Amino acid sequence: MAKIDLDSLSIEELAALRDRAIDKLAEKVVARQAELEAEIERLSQYGKASKKSPATAPVAKPKKRDESKGDESKGDEVKSDGEVRTGEGTEPIAEAA
C-alpha cells in the first residue's frame, strides 16, 4: 500500500480519505460478521448452543431454606369444627437464629 503524506492533503482530501476508510471498514466488518455467523452455524450442529441472548441463561434453583419459607401453608391444620389453624407457635427462621 502506498504511503500517504497526510500533512500535504487539504481538508477536503482528508475528509474524502476518511469517508473511504469508513466505507472500507464497514465492508470488512460486514464480511467478517458473515464469516462468524457461518462458523456459528457450522458449530451449532455439534449441539453447542450459541449465546445470542442472556435470556437463555440457566435459572438458579431456590435454596432449601427458601423453599421452606414458601411452604408455610403446609403447616396449617383444620380442627374438627372447621376452623383453620395456621402454623401458630412457629418462629420465622431469622428470629429463631
PDB file of N, CA and C in Angstrom:
ATOM      1  N   MET A   1       0.847  -1.178   0.000  1.00  0.00           N
ATOM      2  CA  MET A   1       0.000   0.000   0.000  1.00  0.00           C
ATOM      3  C   MET A   1       0.891   1.239   0.000  1.00  0.00           C
ATOM      4  N   ALA A   2       0.502   2.190  -0.774  1.00  0.00           N
ATOM      5  CA  ALA A   2       1.285   3.417  -0.882  1.00  0.00           C
ATOM      6  C   ALA A   2       1.104   4.264   0.367  1.00  0.00           C
ATOM      7  N   LYS A   3       2.177   4.880   0.803  1.00  0.00           N
ATOM      8  CA  LYS A   3       2.103   5.763   1.962  1.00  0.00           C
ATOM      9  C   LYS A   3       1.501   7.092   1.536  1.00  0.00           C
ATOM     10  N   ILE A   4       0.695   7.662   2.410  1.00  0.00           N
ATOM     11  CA  ILE A   4       0.049   8.935   2.121  1.00  0.00           C
ATOM     12  C   ILE A   4       0.602   9.976   3.076  1.00  0.00           C
ATOM     13  N   ASP A   5       1.017  11.091   2.514  1.00  0.00           N
ATOM     14  CA  ASP A   5       1.506  12.199   3.332  1.00  0.00           C
ATOM     15  C   ASP A   5       0.303  13.024   3.769  1.00  0.00           C
ATOM     16  N   LEU A   6      -0.172  12.754   4.956  1.00  0.00           N
ATOM     17  CA  LEU A   6      -1.384  13.407   5.445  1.00  0.00           C
ATOM     18  C   LEU A   6      -1.215  14.916   5.593  1.00  0.00           C
ATOM     19  N   ASP A   7      -0.009  15.349   5.901  1.00  0.00           N
ATOM     20  CA  ASP A   7       0.238  16.789   6.071  1.00  0.00           C
ATOM     21  C   ASP A   7       0.053  17.552   4.768  1.00  0.00           C
ATOM     22  N   SER A   8       0.270  16.898   3.646  1.00  0.00           N
ATOM     23  CA  SER A   8       0.173  17.593   2.365  1.00  0.00           C
ATOM     24  C   SER A   8      -1.259  17.626   1.812  1.00  0.00           C
ATOM     25  N   LEU A   9      -2.187  16.901   2.445  1.00  0.00           N
ATOM     26  CA  LEU A   9      -3.559  16.852   1.949  1.00  0.00           C
ATOM     27  C   LEU A   9      -4.377  18.031   2.476  1.00  0.00           C
ATOM     28  N   SER A  10      -5.319  18.479   1.653  1.00  0.00           N
ATOM     29  CA  SER A  10      -6.228  19.540   2.082  1.00  0.00           C
ATOM     30  C   SER A  10      -7.302  18.931   2.988  1.00  0.00           C
ATOM     31  N   ILE A  11      -8.096  19.798   3.581  1.00  0.00           N
ATOM     32  CA  ILE A  11      -9.171  19.338   4.456  1.00  0.00           C
ATOM     33  C   ILE A  11     -10.167  18.489   3.670  1.00  0.00           C
ATOM     34  N   GLU A  12     -10.503  18.925   2.457  1.00  0.00           N
ATOM     35  CA  GLU A  12     -11.439  18.172   1.624  1.00  0.00           C
ATOM     36  C   GLU A  12     -10.879  16.793   1.285  1.00  0.00           C
ATOM     37  N   GLU A  13      -9.591  16.738   0.955  1.00  0.00           N
ATOM     38  CA  GLU A  13      -8.966  15.442   0.629  1.00  0.00           C
ATOM     39  C   GLU A  13      -8.911  14.527   1.852  1.00  0.00           C
ATOM     40  N   LEU A  14      -8.614  15.095   3.028  1.00  0.00           N
ATOM     41  CA  LEU A  14      -8.606  14.298   4.258  1.00  0.00           C
ATOM     42  C   LEU A  14     -10.006  13.774   4.579  1.00  0.00           C
ATOM     43  N   ALA A  15     -11.023  14.623   4.384  1.00  0.00           N
ATOM     44  CA  ALA A  15     -12.400  14.204   4.633  1.00  0.00           C
ATOM     45  C   ALA A  15     -12.795  13.088   3.669  1.00  0.00           C
ATOM     46  N   ALA A  16     -12.400  13.184   2.416  1.00  0.00           N
ATOM     47  CA  ALA A  16     -12.702  12.143   1.432  1.00  0.00           C
ATOM     48  C   ALA A  16     -11.969  10.852   1.793  1.00  0.00           C
ATOM     49  N   LEU A  17     -10.729  10.957   2.239  1.00  0.00           N
ATOM     50  CA  LEU A  17      -9.964   9.780   2.676  1.00  0.00           C
ATOM     51  C   LEU A  17     -10.646   9.116   3.874  1.00  0.00           C
ATOM     52  N   ARG A  18     -11.101   9.953   4.808  1.00  0.00           N
ATOM     53  CA  ARG A  18     -11.814   9.430   5.975  1.00  0.00           C
ATOM     54  C   ARG A  18     -13.069   8.674   5.540  1.00  0.00           C
ATOM     55  N   ASP A  19     -13.830   9.264   4.629  1.00  0.00           N
ATOM     56  CA  ASP A  19     -15.058   8.622   4.152  1.00  0.00           C
ATOM     57  C   ASP A  19     -14.757   7.295   3.467  1.00  0.00           C
ATOM     58  N   ARG A  20     -13.715   7.253   2.666  1.00  0.00           N
ATOM     59  CA  ARG A  20     -13.338   5.998   2.000  1.00  0.00           C
ATOM     60  C   ARG A  20     -12.917   4.946   3.020  1.00  0.00           C
ATOM     61  N   ALA A  21     -12.166   5.383   4.049  1.00  0.00           N
ATOM     62  CA  ALA A  21     -11.722   4.451   5.089  1.00  0.00           C
ATOM     63  C   ALA A  21     -12.919   3.906   5.871  1.00  0.00           C
ATOM     64  N   ILE A  22     -13.890   4.752   6.174  1.00  0.00           N
ATOM     65  CA  ILE A  22     -15.085   4.314   6.890  1.00  0.00           C
ATOM     66  C   ILE A  22     -15.867   3.307   6.052  1.00  0.00           C
ATOM     67  N   ASP A  23     -16.012   3.598   4.757  1.00  0.00           N
ATOM     68  CA  ASP A  23     -16.730   2.680   3.864  1.00  0.00           C
ATOM     69  C   ASP A  23     -16.026   1.330   3.786  1.00  0.00           C
ATOM     70  N   LYS A  24     -14.714   1.353   3.639  1.00  0.00           N
ATOM     71  CA  LYS A  24     -13.943   0.109   3.528  1.00  0.00           C
ATOM     72  C   LYS A  24     -14.029  -0.678   4.839  1.00  0.00           C
ATOM     73  N   LEU A  25     -13.934   0.011   5.947  1.00  0.00           N
ATOM     74  CA  LEU A  25     -14.044  -0.646   7.250  1.00  0.00           C
ATOM     75  C   LEU A  25     -15.418  -1.281   7.419  1.00  0.00           C
ATOM     76  N   ALA A  26     -16.472  -0.584   7.009  1.00  0.00           N
ATOM     77  CA  ALA A  26     -17.830  -1.134   7.114  1.00  0.00           C
ATOM     78  C   ALA A  26     -17.963  -2.392   6.262  1.00  0.00           C
ATOM     79  N   GLU A  27     -17.384  -2.390   5.058  1.00  0.00           N
ATOM     80  CA  GLU A  27     -17.416  -3.576   4.193  1.00  0.00           C
ATOM     81  C   GLU A  27     -16.729  -4.762   4.873  1.00  0.00           C
ATOM     82  N   LYS A  28     -15.580  -4.499   5.468  1.00  0.00           N
ATOM     83  CA  LYS A  28     -14.830  -5.572   6.123  1.00  0.00           C
ATOM     84  C   LYS A  28     -15.568  -6.103   7.348  1.00  0.00           C
ATOM     85  N   VAL A  29     -16.227  -5.226   8.080  1.00  0.00           N
ATOM     86  CA  VAL A  29     -16.993  -5.654   9.256  1.00  0.00           C
ATOM     87  C   VAL A  29     -18.140  -6.563   8.826  1.00  0.00           C
ATOM     88  N   VAL A  30     -18.849  -6.185   7.761  1.00  0.00           N
ATOM     89  CA  VAL A  30     -19.969  -6.995   7.277  1.00  0.00           C
ATOM     90  C   VAL A  30     -19.462  -8.357   6.808  1.00  0.00           C
ATOM     91  N   ALA A  31     -18.346  -8.371   6.090  1.00  0.00           N
ATOM     92  CA  ALA A  31     -17.795  -9.640   5.609  1.00  0.00           C
ATOM     93  C   ALA A  31     -17.380 -10.532   6.779  1.00  0.00           C
ATOM     94  N   ARG A  32     -16.739  -9.948   7.769  1.00  0.00           N
ATOM     95  CA  ARG A  32     -16.293 -10.727   8.932  1.00  0.00           C
ATOM     96  C   ARG A  32     -17.482 -11.249   9.727  1.00  0.00           C
ATOM     97  N   GLN A  33     -18.521 -10.436   9.849  1.00  0.00           N
ATOM     98  CA  GLN A  33     -19.721 -10.861  10.564  1.00  0.00           C
ATOM     99  C   GLN A  33     -20.357 -12.052   9.853  1.00  0.00           C
ATOM    100  N   ALA A  34     -20.401 -12.023   8.537  1.00  0.00           N
ATOM    101  CA  ALA A  34     -20.956 -13.143   7.780  1.00  0.00           C
ATOM    102  C   ALA A  34     -20.123 -14.405   8.002  1.00  0.00           C
ATOM    103  N   GLU A  35     -18.793 -14.252   8.037  1.00  0.00           N
ATOM    104  CA  GLU A  35     -17.910 -15.398   8.303  1.00  0.00           C
ATOM    105  C   GLU A  35     -18.195 -15.994   9.676  1.00  0.00           C
ATOM    106  N   LEU A  36     -18.317 -15.122  10.674  1.00  0.00           N
ATOM    107  CA  LEU A  36     -18.552 -15.598  12.043  1.00  0.00           C
ATOM    108  C   LEU A  36     -19.918 -16.267  12.181  1.00  0.00           C
ATOM    109  N   GLU A  37     -20.939 -15.715  11.540  1.00  0.00           N
ATOM    110  CA  GLU A  37     -22.260 -16.339  11.597  1.00  0.00           C
ATOM    111  C   GLU A  37     -22.252 -17.709  10.933  1.00  0.00           C
ATOM    112  N   ALA A  38     -21.506 -17.837   9.835  1.00  0.00           N
ATOM    113  CA  ALA A  38     -21.395 -19.136   9.175  1.00  0.00           C
ATOM    114  C   ALA A  38     -20.666 -20.131  10.081  1.00  0.00           C
ATOM    115  N   GLU A  39     -19.660 -19.665  10.785  1.00  0.00           N
ATOM    116  CA  GLU A  39     -18.912 -20.520  11.715  1.00  0.00           C
ATOM    117  C   GLU A  39     -19.804 -20.962  12.874  1.00  0.00           C
ATOM    118  N   ILE A  40     -20.601 -20.051  13.406  1.00  0.00           N
ATOM    119  CA  ILE A  40     -21.529 -20.397  14.485  1.00  0.00           C
ATOM    120  C   ILE A  40     -22.522 -21.444  14.001  1.00  0.00           C
ATOM    121  N   GLU A  41     -23.037 -21.269  12.806  1.00  0.00           N
ATOM    122  CA  GLU A  41     -23.987 -22.232  12.236  1.00  0.00           C
ATOM    123  C   GLU A  41     -23.336 -23.600  12.086  1.00  0.00           C
ATOM    124  N   ARG A  42     -22.100 -23.613  11.624  1.00  0.00           N
ATOM    125  CA  ARG A  42     -21.378 -24.880  11.445  1.00  0.00           C
ATOM    126  C   ARG A  42     -21.144 -25.553  12.793  1.00  0.00           C
ATOM    127  N   LEU A  43     -20.779 -24.781  13.803  1.00  0.00           N
ATOM    128  CA  LEU A  43     -20.515 -25.338  15.130  1.00  0.00           C
ATOM    129  C   LEU A  43     -21.790 -25.778  15.843  1.00  0.00           C
ATOM    130  N   SER A  44     -22.915 -25.145  15.531  1.00  0.00           N
ATOM    131  CA  SER A  44     -24.159 -25.478  16.218  1.00  0.00           C
ATOM    132  C   SER A  44     -24.616 -26.902  15.920  1.00  0.00           C
ATOM    133  N   GLN A  45     -24.131 -27.496  14.848  1.00  0.00           N
ATOM    134  CA  GLN A  45     -24.511 -28.870  14.545  1.00  0.00           C
ATOM    135  C   GLN A  45     -23.925 -29.862  15.552  1.00  0.00           C
ATOM    136  N   TYR A  46     -22.981 -29.420  16.359  1.00  0.00           N
ATOM    137  CA  TYR A  46     -22.381 -30.299  17.369  1.00  0.00           C
ATOM    138  C   TYR A  46     -23.103 -30.221  18.706  1.00  0.00           C
ATOM    139  N   GLY A  47     -24.213 -29.511  18.756  1.00  0.00           N
ATOM    140  CA  GLY A  47     -25.028 -29.474  19.962  1.00  0.00           C
ATOM    141  C   GLY A  47     -24.690 -28.369  20.918  1.00  0.00           C
ATOM    142  N   LYS A  48     -23.724 -27.578  20.630  1.00  0.00           N
ATOM    143  CA  LYS A  48     -23.402 -26.440  21.495  1.00  0.00           C
ATOM    144  C   LYS A  48     -24.302 -25.292  21.104  1.00  0.00           C
ATOM    145  N   ALA A  49     -25.066 -24.777  22.076  1.00  0.00           N
ATOM    146  CA  ALA A  49     -25.955 -23.659  21.808  1.00  0.00           C
ATOM    147  C   ALA A  49     -25.135 -22.382  21.757  1.00  0.00           C
ATOM    148  N   SER A  50     -25.423 -21.542  20.797  1.00  0.00           N
ATOM    149  CA  SER A  50     -24.729 -20.269  20.728  1.00  0.00           C
ATOM    150  C   SER A  50     -25.370 -19.314  21.714  1.00  0.00           C
ATOM    151  N   LYS A  51     -24.579 -18.431  22.290  1.00  0.00           N
ATOM    152  CA  LYS A  51     -25.083 -17.489  23.282  1.00  0.00           C
ATOM    153  C   LYS A  51     -25.450 -16.199  22.567  1.00  0.00           C
ATOM    154  N   LYS A  52     -26.695 -16.138  22.105  1.00  0.00           N
ATOM    155  CA  LYS A  52     -27.145 -14.946  21.412  1.00  0.00           C
ATOM    156  C   LYS A  52     -27.804 -13.963  22.359  1.00  0.00           C
ATOM    157  N   SER A  53     -28.408 -14.440  23.442  1.00  0.00           N
ATOM    158  CA  SER A  53     -29.045 -13.541  24.384  1.00  0.00           C
ATOM    159  C   SER A  53     -28.893 -14.080  25.794  1.00  0.00           C
ATOM    160  N   PRO A  54     -28.809 -13.189  26.756  1.00  0.00           N
ATOM    161  CA  PRO A  54     -28.675 -13.633  28.142  1.00  0.00           C
ATOM    162  C   PRO A  54     -29.933 -14.280  28.679  1.00  0.00           C
ATOM    163  N   ALA A  55     -31.039 -14.230  27.960  1.00  0.00           N
ATOM    164  CA  ALA A  55     -32.283 -14.828  28.428  1.00  0.00           C
ATOM    165  C   ALA A  55     -32.203 -16.350  28.467  1.00  0.00           C
ATOM    166  N   THR A  56     -31.228 -16.933  27.793  1.00  0.00           N
ATOM    167  CA  THR A  56     -31.101 -18.384  27.773  1.00  0.00           C
ATOM    168  C   THR A  56     -30.240 -18.893  28.923  1.00  0.00           C
ATOM    169  N   ALA A  57     -29.844 -18.002  29.818  1.00  0.00           N
ATOM    170  CA  ALA A  57     -29.014 -18.405  30.949  1.00  0.00           C
ATOM    171  C   ALA A  57     -29.821 -19.290  31.890  1.00  0.00           C
ATOM    172  N   PRO A  58     -29.175 -20.264  32.546  1.00  0.00           N
ATOM    173  CA  PRO A  58     -29.897 -21.143  33.459  1.00  0.00           C
ATOM    174  C   PRO A  58     -30.431 -20.370  34.660  1.00  0.00           C
ATOM    175  N   VAL A  59     -31.570 -20.804  35.156  1.00  0.00           N
ATOM    176  CA  VAL A  59     -32.201 -20.156  36.300  1.00  0.00           C
ATOM    177  C   VAL A  59     -31.735 -20.871  37.566  1.00  0.00           C
ATOM    178  N   ALA A  60     -31.337 -20.092  38.566  1.00  0.00           N
ATOM    179  CA  ALA A  60     -30.857 -20.666  39.817  1.00  0.00           C
ATOM    180  C   ALA A  60     -32.032 -21.261  40.589  1.00  0.00           C
ATOM    181  N   LYS A  61     -31.813 -22.427  41.191  1.00  0.00           N
ATOM    182  CA  LYS A  61     -32.836 -23.066  41.999  1.00  0.00           C
ATOM    183  C   LYS A  61     -32.856 -22.410  43.374  1.00  0.00           C
ATOM    184  N   PRO A  62     -34.029 -22.311  44.003  1.00  0.00           N
ATOM    185  CA  PRO A  62     -34.074 -21.733  45.348  1.00  0.00           C
ATOM    186  C   PRO A  62     -33.403 -22.665  46.348  1.00  0.00           C
ATOM    187  N   LYS A  63     -32.831 -22.048  47.371  1.00  0.00           N
ATOM    188  CA  LYS A  63     -32.173 -22.845  48.405  1.00  0.00           C
ATOM    189  C   LYS A  63     -33.217 -23.579  49.227  1.00  0.00           C
ATOM    190  N   LYS A  64     -32.825 -24.647  49.861  1.00  0.00           N
ATOM    191  CA  LYS A  64     -33.725 -25.460  50.671  1.00  0.00           C
ATOM    192  C   LYS A  64     -34.421 -24.596  51.724  1.00  0.00           C
ATOM    193  N   ARG A  65     -33.680 -23.700  52.339  1.00  0.00           N
ATOM    194  CA  ARG A  65     -34.218 -22.835  53.378  1.00  0.00           C
ATOM    195  C   ARG A  65     -35.295 -21.916  52.802  1.00  0.00           C
ATOM    196  N   ASP A  66     -35.086 -21.415  51.562  1.00  0.00           N
ATOM    197  CA  ASP A  66     -36.063 -20.541  50.929  1.00  0.00           C
ATOM    198  C   ASP A  66     -37.335 -21.297  50.584  1.00  0.00           C
ATOM    199  N   GLU A  67     -37.222 -22.562  50.192  1.00  0.00           N
ATOM    200  CA  GLU A  67     -38.391 -23.359  49.849  1.00  0.00           C
ATOM    201  C   GLU A  67     -39.280 -23.554  51.067  1.00  0.00           C
ATOM    202  N   SER A  68     -38.687 -23.733  52.250  1.00  0.00           N
ATOM    203  CA  SER A  68     -39.488 -23.969  53.450  1.00  0.00           C
ATOM    204  C   SER A  68     -40.261 -22.714  53.840  1.00  0.00           C
ATOM    205  N   LYS A  69     -39.762 -21.522  53.520  1.00  0.00           N
ATOM    206  CA  LYS A  69     -40.485 -20.293  53.815  1.00  0.00           C
ATOM    207  C   LYS A  69     -41.762 -20.213  53.000  1.00  0.00           C
ATOM    208  N   GLY A  70     -41.705 -20.617  51.755  1.00  0.00           N
ATOM    209  CA  GLY A  70     -42.867 -20.551  50.875  1.00  0.00           C
ATOM    210  C   GLY A  70     -43.889 -21.618  51.178  1.00  0.00           C
ATOM    211  N   ASP A  71     -43.566 -22.620  51.958  1.00  0.00           N
ATOM    212  CA  ASP A  71     -44.463 -23.730  52.250  1.00  0.00           C
ATOM    213  C   ASP A  71     -45.115 -23.586  53.617  1.00  0.00           C
ATOM    214  N   GLU A  72     -45.385 -22.368  54.063  1.00  0.00           N
ATOM    215  CA  GLU A  72     -45.980 -22.160  55.374  1.00  0.00           C
ATOM    216  C   GLU A  72     -47.377 -22.744  55.440  1.00  0.00           C
ATOM    217  N   SER A  73     -48.081 -22.803  54.307  1.00  0.00           N
ATOM    218  CA  SER A  73     -49.438 -23.320  54.320  1.00  0.00           C
ATOM    219  C   SER A  73     -49.469 -24.814  54.610  1.00  0.00           C
ATOM    220  N   LYS A  74     -48.369 -25.518  54.442  1.00  0.00           N
ATOM    221  CA  LYS A  74     -48.327 -26.950  54.718  1.00  0.00           C
ATOM    222  C   LYS A  74     -48.484 -27.235  56.205  1.00  0.00           C
ATOM    223  N   GLY A  75     -48.165 -26.257  57.055  1.00  0.00           N
ATOM    224  CA  GLY A  75     -48.285 -26.450  58.488  1.00  0.00           C
ATOM    225  C   GLY A  75     -49.676 -26.143  59.011  1.00  0.00           C
ATOM    226  N   ASP A  76     -50.622 -25.798  58.131  1.00  0.00           N
ATOM    227  CA  ASP A  76     -51.977 -25.475  58.559  1.00  0.00           C
ATOM    228  C   ASP A  76     -52.711 -26.734  58.989  1.00  0.00           C
ATOM    229  N   GLU A  77     -53.544 -26.573  60.008  1.00  0.00           N
ATOM    230  CA  GLU A  77     -54.364 -27.676  60.493  1.00  0.00           C
ATOM    231  C   GLU A  77     -55.823 -27.278  60.392  1.00  0.00           C
ATOM    232  N   VAL A  78     -56.677 -28.235  60.139  1.00  0.00           N
ATOM    233  CA  VAL A  78     -58.121 -27.982  60.158  1.00  0.00           C
ATOM    234  C   VAL A  78     -58.666 -28.710  61.375  1.00  0.00           C
ATOM    235  N   LYS A  79     -59.258 -27.957  62.288  1.00  0.00           N
ATOM    236  CA  LYS A  79     -59.839 -28.542  63.501  1.00  0.00           C
ATOM    237  C   LYS A  79     -61.162 -29.201  63.147  1.00  0.00           C
ATOM    238  N   SER A  80     -61.676 -29.987  64.086  1.00  0.00           N
ATOM    239  CA  SER A  80     -62.920 -30.721  63.848  1.00  0.00           C
ATOM    240  C   SER A  80     -64.110 -29.794  63.620  1.00  0.00           C
ATOM    241  N   ASP A  81     -64.057 -28.559  64.151  1.00  0.00           N
ATOM    242  CA  ASP A  81     -65.180 -27.632  63.949  1.00  0.00           C
ATOM    243  C   ASP A  81     -65.029 -26.821  62.662  1.00  0.00           C
ATOM    244  N   GLY A  82     -64.006 -27.123  61.840  1.00  0.00           N
ATOM    245  CA  GLY A  82     -63.818 -26.475  60.549  1.00  0.00           C
ATOM    246  C   GLY A  82     -62.896 -25.275  60.596  1.00  0.00           C
ATOM    247  N   GLU A  83     -62.462 -24.861  61.806  1.00  0.00           N
ATOM    248  CA  GLU A  83     -61.565 -23.720  61.921  1.00  0.00           C
ATOM    249  C   GLU A  83     -60.169 -24.125  61.441  1.00  0.00           C
ATOM    250  N   VAL A  84     -59.510 -23.206  60.748  1.00  0.00           N
ATOM    251  CA  VAL A  84     -58.171 -23.482  60.236  1.00  0.00           C
ATOM    252  C   VAL A  84     -57.154 -22.854  61.168  1.00  0.00           C
ATOM    253  N   ARG A  85     -56.214 -23.652  61.609  1.00  0.00           N
ATOM    254  CA  ARG A  85     -55.148 -23.165  62.485  1.00  0.00           C
ATOM    255  C   ARG A  85     -53.891 -23.055  61.630  1.00  0.00           C
ATOM    256  N   THR A  86     -53.317 -21.856  61.534  1.00  0.00           N
ATOM    257  CA  THR A  86     -52.177 -21.628  60.649  1.00  0.00           C
ATOM    258  C   THR A  86     -50.887 -21.600  61.438  1.00  0.00           C
ATOM    259  N   GLY A  87     -50.128 -22.628  61.399  1.00  0.00           N
ATOM    260  CA  GLY A  87     -48.775 -22.750  61.930  1.00  0.00           C
ATOM    261  C   GLY A  87     -48.429 -21.828  63.079  1.00  0.00           C
ATOM    262  N   GLU A  88     -49.333 -21.629  64.026  1.00  0.00           N
ATOM    263  CA  GLU A  88     -49.045 -20.766  65.163  1.00  0.00           C
ATOM    264  C   GLU A  88     -47.945 -21.395  66.002  1.00  0.00           C
ATOM    265  N   GLY A  89     -47.163 -20.541  66.642  1.00  0.00           N
ATOM    266  CA  GLY A  89     -46.112 -21.042  67.517  1.00  0.00           C
ATOM    267  C   GLY A  89     -44.811 -21.300  66.777  1.00  0.00           C
ATOM    268  N   THR A  90     -44.803 -21.153  65.469  1.00  0.00           N
ATOM    269  CA  THR A  90     -43.538 -21.329  64.736  1.00  0.00           C
ATOM    270  C   THR A  90     -42.945 -19.973  64.508  1.00  0.00           C
ATOM    271  N   GLU A  91     -41.666 -19.848  64.758  1.00  0.00           N
ATOM    272  CA  GLU A  91     -40.985 -18.594  64.563  1.00  0.00           C
ATOM    273  C   GLU A  91     -40.352 -18.539  63.195  1.00  0.00           C
ATOM    274  N   PRO A  92     -40.284 -17.369  62.587  1.00  0.00           N
ATOM    275  CA  PRO A  92     -39.569 -17.263  61.316  1.00  0.00           C
ATOM    276  C   PRO A  92     -38.099 -17.624  61.517  1.00  0.00           C
ATOM    277  N   ILE A  93     -37.460 -18.080  60.482  1.00  0.00           N
ATOM    278  CA  ILE A  93     -36.067 -18.543  60.561  1.00  0.00           C
ATOM    279  C   ILE A  93     -35.149 -17.455  61.075  1.00  0.00           C
ATOM    280  N   ALA A  94     -35.348 -16.216  60.648  1.00  0.00           N
ATOM    281  CA  ALA A  94     -34.460 -15.122  61.048  1.00  0.00           C
ATOM    282  C   ALA A  94     -34.542 -14.884  62.559  1.00  0.00           C
ATOM    283  N   GLU A  95     -35.733 -14.994  63.132  1.00  0.00           N
ATOM    284  CA  GLU A  95     -35.884 -14.761  64.570  1.00  0.00           C
ATOM    285  C   GLU A  95     -35.388 -15.933  65.383  1.00  0.00           C
ATOM    286  N   ALA A  96     -35.476 -17.140  64.840  1.00  0.00           N
ATOM    287  CA  ALA A  96     -35.061 -18.326  65.574  1.00  0.00           C
ATOM    288  C   ALA A  96     -33.547 -18.365  65.737  1.00  0.00           C
ATOM    289  N   ALA A  97     -32.830 -17.762  64.828  1.00  0.00           N
ATOM    290  CA  ALA A  97     -31.368 -17.802  64.870  1.00  0.00           C
ATOM    291  C   ALA A  97     -30.847 -16.811  65.805  1.00  0.00           C
TER     292      ALA A  97
END
